[in-house]
C-alpha atoms as a PDB file:
ATOM      1  CA  UNK A   1     -20.638 133.423  58.846  1.00  0.00           C
ATOM      2  CA  UNK A   2     -24.660 131.495  58.697  1.00  0.00           C
ATOM      3  CA  UNK A   3     -25.550 133.961  61.631  1.00  0.00           C
ATOM      4  CA  UNK A   4     -24.342 136.853  60.545  1.00  0.00           C
ATOM      5  CA  UNK A   5     -26.310 137.032  57.708  1.00  0.00           C
ATOM      6  CA  UNK A   6     -29.607 136.265  59.327  1.00  0.00           C
ATOM      7  CA  UNK A   7     -28.552 138.736  61.926  1.00  0.00           C
ATOM      8  CA  UNK A   8     -27.824 141.418  59.696  1.00  0.00           C
ATOM      9  CA  UNK A   9     -30.905 140.356  57.562  1.00  0.00           C
ATOM     10  CA  UNK A  10     -33.509 140.604  60.709  1.00  0.00           C
ATOM     11  CA  UNK A  11     -32.022 144.105  61.686  1.00  0.00           C
ATOM     12  CA  UNK A  12     -32.360 145.080  58.147  1.00  0.00           C
ATOM     13  CA  UNK A  13     -36.082 143.848  58.806  1.00  0.00           C
ATOM     14  CA  UNK A  14     -36.168 145.794  61.946  1.00  0.00           C
ATOM     15  CA  UNK A  15     -35.152 148.790  60.299  1.00  0.00           C
ATOM     16  CA  UNK A  16     -36.859 149.647  57.724  1.00  0.00           C
ATOM     17  CA  UNK A  17     -39.917 148.499  59.632  1.00  0.00           C
ATOM     18  CA  UNK A  18     -40.395 152.101  60.176  1.00  0.00           C
ATOM     19  CA  UNK A  19     -43.325 153.075  61.824  1.00  0.00           C
ATOM     20  CA  UNK A  20     -45.143 149.343  62.138  1.00  0.00           C
ATOM     21  CA  UNK A  21     -44.580 149.245  65.753  1.00  0.00           C
ATOM     22  CA  UNK A  22     -46.113 152.071  67.505  1.00  0.00           C
ATOM     23  CA  UNK A  23     -44.532 153.775  70.650  1.00  0.00           C
ATOM     24  CA  UNK A  24     -45.194 156.770  73.326  1.00  0.00           C
ATOM     25  CA  UNK A  25     -43.561 159.170  70.880  1.00  0.00           C
ATOM     26  CA  UNK A  26     -45.809 158.472  67.593  1.00  0.00           C
ATOM     27  CA  UNK A  27     -49.181 158.604  70.257  1.00  0.00           C
ATOM     28  CA  UNK A  28     -47.861 162.360  71.253  1.00  0.00           C
ATOM     29  CA  UNK A  29     -46.623 162.992  67.392  1.00  0.00           C
ATOM     30  CA  UNK A  30     -50.406 161.893  66.296  1.00  0.00           C
ATOM     31  CA  UNK A  31     -51.772 163.768  69.735  1.00  0.00           C
ATOM     32  CA  UNK A  32     -53.424 161.368  70.661  1.00  0.00           C
ATOM     33  CA  UNK A  33     -52.524 161.613  74.540  1.00  0.00           C
ATOM     34  CA  UNK A  34     -54.628 165.201  74.444  1.00  0.00           C
ATOM     35  CA  UNK A  35     -57.409 162.640  74.823  1.00  0.00           C
ATOM     36  CA  UNK A  36     -56.715 159.408  75.900  1.00  0.00           C
ATOM     37  CA  UNK A  37     -54.287 158.144  78.173  1.00  0.00           C
ATOM     38  CA  UNK A  38     -53.332 154.733  78.877  1.00  0.00           C
ATOM     39  CA  UNK A  39     -55.468 154.087  82.343  1.00  0.00           C
ATOM     40  CA  UNK A  40     -57.944 156.784  82.624  1.00  0.00           C
ATOM     41  CA  UNK A  41     -60.689 158.257  80.812  1.00  0.00           C
ATOM     42  CA  UNK A  42     -59.822 161.746  79.568  1.00  0.00           C
ATOM     43  CA  UNK A  43     -61.708 163.478  76.869  1.00  0.00           C
ATOM     44  CA  UNK A  44     -61.683 160.033  75.146  1.00  0.00           C
ATOM     45  CA  UNK A  45     -61.790 156.338  76.356  1.00  0.00           C
ATOM     46  CA  UNK A  46     -58.455 154.693  78.364  1.00  0.00           C
ATOM     47  CA  UNK A  47     -56.400 152.690  75.554  1.00  0.00           C
ATOM     48  CA  UNK A  48     -56.745 150.518  78.316  1.00  0.00           C
ATOM     49  CA  UNK A  49     -60.568 150.350  78.327  1.00  0.00           C
ATOM     50  CA  UNK A  50     -60.674 150.297  74.582  1.00  0.00           C
ATOM     51  CA  UNK A  51     -58.057 147.186  73.950  1.00  0.00           C
ATOM     52  CA  UNK A  52     -60.660 145.028  77.011  1.00  0.00           C
ATOM     53  CA  UNK A  53     -63.617 145.969  74.876  1.00  0.00           C
ATOM     54  CA  UNK A  54     -62.865 144.853  71.688  1.00  0.00           C
ATOM     55  CA  UNK A  55     -59.923 141.782  73.396  1.00  0.00           C
ATOM     56  CA  UNK A  56     -62.629 139.060  71.365  1.00  0.00           C
ATOM     57  CA  UNK A  57     -62.531 140.679  68.210  1.00  0.00           C
ATOM     58  CA  UNK A  58     -59.485 139.350  65.927  1.00  0.00           C
ATOM     59  CA  UNK A  59     -60.188 142.491  63.453  1.00  0.00           C
ATOM     60  CA  UNK A  60     -60.187 144.973  66.211  1.00  0.00           C
ATOM     61  CA  UNK A  61     -57.029 146.531  65.474  1.00  0.00           C
ATOM     62  CA  UNK A  62     -57.843 147.320  61.457  1.00  0.00           C
ATOM     63  CA  UNK A  63     -61.696 148.817  62.496  1.00  0.00           C
ATOM     64  CA  UNK A  64     -59.880 150.654  64.790  1.00  0.00           C
ATOM     65  CA  UNK A  65     -57.382 152.027  62.577  1.00  0.00           C
ATOM     66  CA  UNK A  66     -60.312 153.191  60.259  1.00  0.00           C
ATOM     67  CA  UNK A  67     -61.364 154.648  63.098  1.00  0.00           C
ATOM     68  CA  UNK A  68     -58.485 156.577  64.003  1.00  0.00           C
ATOM     69  CA  UNK A  69     -58.571 157.984  59.824  1.00  0.00           C
ATOM     70  CA  UNK A  70     -62.202 158.368  59.230  1.00  0.00           C
ATOM     71  CA  UNK A  71     -63.042 159.879  62.783  1.00  0.00           C
ATOM     72  CA  UNK A  72     -66.183 158.175  65.176  1.00  0.00           C
ATOM     73  CA  UNK A  73     -69.147 159.166  67.241  1.00  0.00           C
ATOM     74  CA  UNK A  74     -71.318 157.193  69.532  1.00  0.00           C
ATOM     75  CA  UNK A  75     -69.365 154.137  70.679  1.00  0.00           C
ATOM     76  CA  UNK A  76     -67.663 155.641  74.054  1.00  0.00           C
ATOM     77  CA  UNK A  77     -70.522 158.867  74.753  1.00  0.00           C
ATOM     78  CA  UNK A  78     -71.926 162.128  72.993  1.00  0.00           C
ATOM     79  CA  UNK A  79     -68.225 163.178  72.566  1.00  0.00           C
ATOM     80  CA  UNK A  80     -67.014 162.222  68.968  1.00  0.00           C
ATOM     81  CA  UNK A  81     -63.877 161.661  67.376  1.00  0.00           C
ATOM     82  CA  UNK A  82     -62.215 163.527  65.075  1.00  0.00           C
ATOM     83  CA  UNK A  83     -60.932 162.544  62.060  1.00  0.00           C
ATOM     84  CA  UNK A  84     -56.994 162.154  61.627  1.00  0.00           C
ATOM     85  CA  UNK A  85     -56.711 161.441  57.716  1.00  0.00           C
ATOM     86  CA  UNK A  86     -52.692 163.139  58.005  1.00  0.00           C
ATOM     87  CA  UNK A  87     -52.234 159.895  59.630  1.00  0.00           C
ATOM     88  CA  UNK A  88     -50.795 157.388  57.155  1.00  0.00           C
ATOM     89  CA  UNK A  89     -52.605 153.787  56.957  1.00  0.00           C
ATOM     90  CA  UNK A  90     -49.518 151.972  58.319  1.00  0.00           C
ATOM     91  CA  UNK A  91     -48.831 154.275  61.445  1.00  0.00           C
ATOM     92  CA  UNK A  92     -52.856 154.367  62.260  1.00  0.00           C
ATOM     93  CA  UNK A  93     -52.615 150.582  61.869  1.00  0.00           C
ATOM     94  CA  UNK A  94     -49.895 150.481  64.538  1.00  0.00           C
ATOM     95  CA  UNK A  95     -50.999 152.712  66.853  1.00  0.00           C
ATOM     96  CA  UNK A  96     -54.181 150.409  66.282  1.00  0.00           C
ATOM     97  CA  UNK A  97     -52.288 147.668  67.774  1.00  0.00           C
ATOM     98  CA  UNK A  98     -50.546 149.198  70.421  1.00  0.00           C
ATOM     99  CA  UNK A  99     -53.785 150.090  71.835  1.00  0.00           C
ATOM    100  CA  UNK A 100     -54.971 146.713  71.497  1.00  0.00           C
ATOM    101  CA  UNK A 101     -51.583 145.665  73.712  1.00  0.00           C
ATOM    102  CA  UNK A 102     -52.151 147.848  76.620  1.00  0.00           C
ATOM    103  CA  UNK A 103     -53.567 146.192  79.857  1.00  0.00           C
END
């Protein structure tokens, strides 16, 4: 019975996490794939290159989440990344965490 309760609680936590975990569908939802790809430069850098650049930075996901929302320029060349204020803070962090996992 205890195992069932523990599994039920764990399942509930996963369901309530909602958008805490990014997915390729979330990348498409926010149109990230128009400018970025996992392994090649499009308009912006690849997720792989971003992850490699920030791999030693323990706070990279939080910094990248802020850049997703506010936009940025000058780090990857002359083309600026436009701001995406419509992305929730939770989704921006989830997207940034996903980018940091791409190898």
